[in-house]
Amino acid sequence: MAECVPTANRAPSPAPALESIGERVRRCRSLRGWTQQQQAARSGLTQSTISMIEKGARGHEMSL
């Protein structure tokens, strides 16, 4: 998955320590205009996994 990099047409991310992994995934996905299904196809994950990560139900045990 591509890193969320600030550009001139996007607001910077909140303080990194205050943003959870799920919030960051959702924000970056939304800024790209992707649905969870589109992000899943691009990342090799299922839509269900993307949803669980965004809700905070998955993520802490996953390796990057």
Protein backbone atom coordinates (compact mmCIF):
# COMPACT_ATOMS: atom_id res chain seq x y z
CA MET A 1 0.00 0.00 0.00
CA ALA A 2 1.34 3.44 -0.87
CA GLU A 3 2.39 5.70 1.96
CA CYS A 4 0.11 8.63 2.73
CA VAL A 5 2.28 11.61 1.78
CA PRO A 6 1.01 15.19 2.26
CA THR A 7 0.58 17.26 -0.88
CA ALA A 8 -0.58 20.81 -1.54
CA ASN A 9 -4.20 19.73 -2.06
CA ARG A 10 -4.48 17.65 1.12
CA ALA A 11 -4.65 18.57 4.75
CA PRO A 12 -1.71 17.28 6.79
CA SER A 13 -2.35 14.32 9.04
CA PRO A 14 -3.19 14.88 12.68
CA ALA A 15 -0.37 14.44 15.17
CA PRO A 16 0.86 10.89 14.43
CA ALA A 17 0.70 9.85 18.07
CA LEU A 18 -2.99 10.76 18.19
CA GLU A 19 -4.04 8.91 15.02
CA SER A 20 -4.60 5.16 15.20
CA ILE A 21 -3.53 2.83 12.40
CA GLY A 22 -7.18 2.31 11.45
CA GLU A 23 -7.85 6.06 11.33
CA ARG A 24 -4.79 6.58 9.16
CA VAL A 25 -5.79 3.77 6.77
CA ARG A 26 -9.30 5.21 6.44
CA ARG A 27 -8.06 8.79 5.97
CA CYS A 28 -5.53 7.82 3.31
CA ARG A 29 -8.09 5.63 1.52
CA SER A 30 -10.68 8.39 1.56
CA LEU A 31 -8.22 10.99 0.30
CA ARG A 32 -7.57 8.76 -2.71
CA GLY A 33 -11.30 8.34 -3.28
CA TRP A 34 -11.05 4.56 -2.96
CA THR A 35 -13.72 2.26 -1.59
CA GLN A 36 -12.70 -0.46 0.82
CA GLN A 37 -13.13 -2.93 -2.04
CA GLN A 38 -10.74 -0.94 -4.26
CA GLN A 39 -8.17 -0.72 -1.49
CA ALA A 40 -8.52 -4.44 -0.84
CA ALA A 41 -7.86 -5.25 -4.48
CA ARG A 42 -4.78 -3.02 -4.53
CA SER A 43 -3.37 -4.35 -1.25
CA GLY A 44 -4.09 -8.06 -1.62
CA LEU A 45 -6.32 -8.06 1.46
CA THR A 46 -10.05 -8.72 1.67
CA GLN A 47 -12.60 -5.94 2.09
CA SER A 48 -13.50 -7.50 5.44
CA THR A 49 -9.90 -7.18 6.63
CA ILE A 50 -9.75 -3.52 5.53
CA SER A 51 -12.97 -2.89 7.46
CA MET A 52 -11.63 -4.59 10.59
CA ILE A 53 -8.38 -2.60 10.42
CA GLU A 54 -10.30 0.68 10.10
CA LYS A 55 -12.52 -0.26 13.07
CA GLY A 56 -9.48 -1.15 15.17
CA ALA A 57 -10.42 -4.83 15.37
CA ARG A 58 -7.21 -5.81 13.52
CA GLY A 59 -3.88 -4.19 13.05
CA HIS A 60 -1.83 -4.44 16.20
CA GLU A 61 -0.90 -8.07 15.55
CA MET A 62 -0.14 -7.59 11.85
CA SER A 63 3.44 -7.20 10.68
CA LEU A 64 4.29 -4.57 8.10
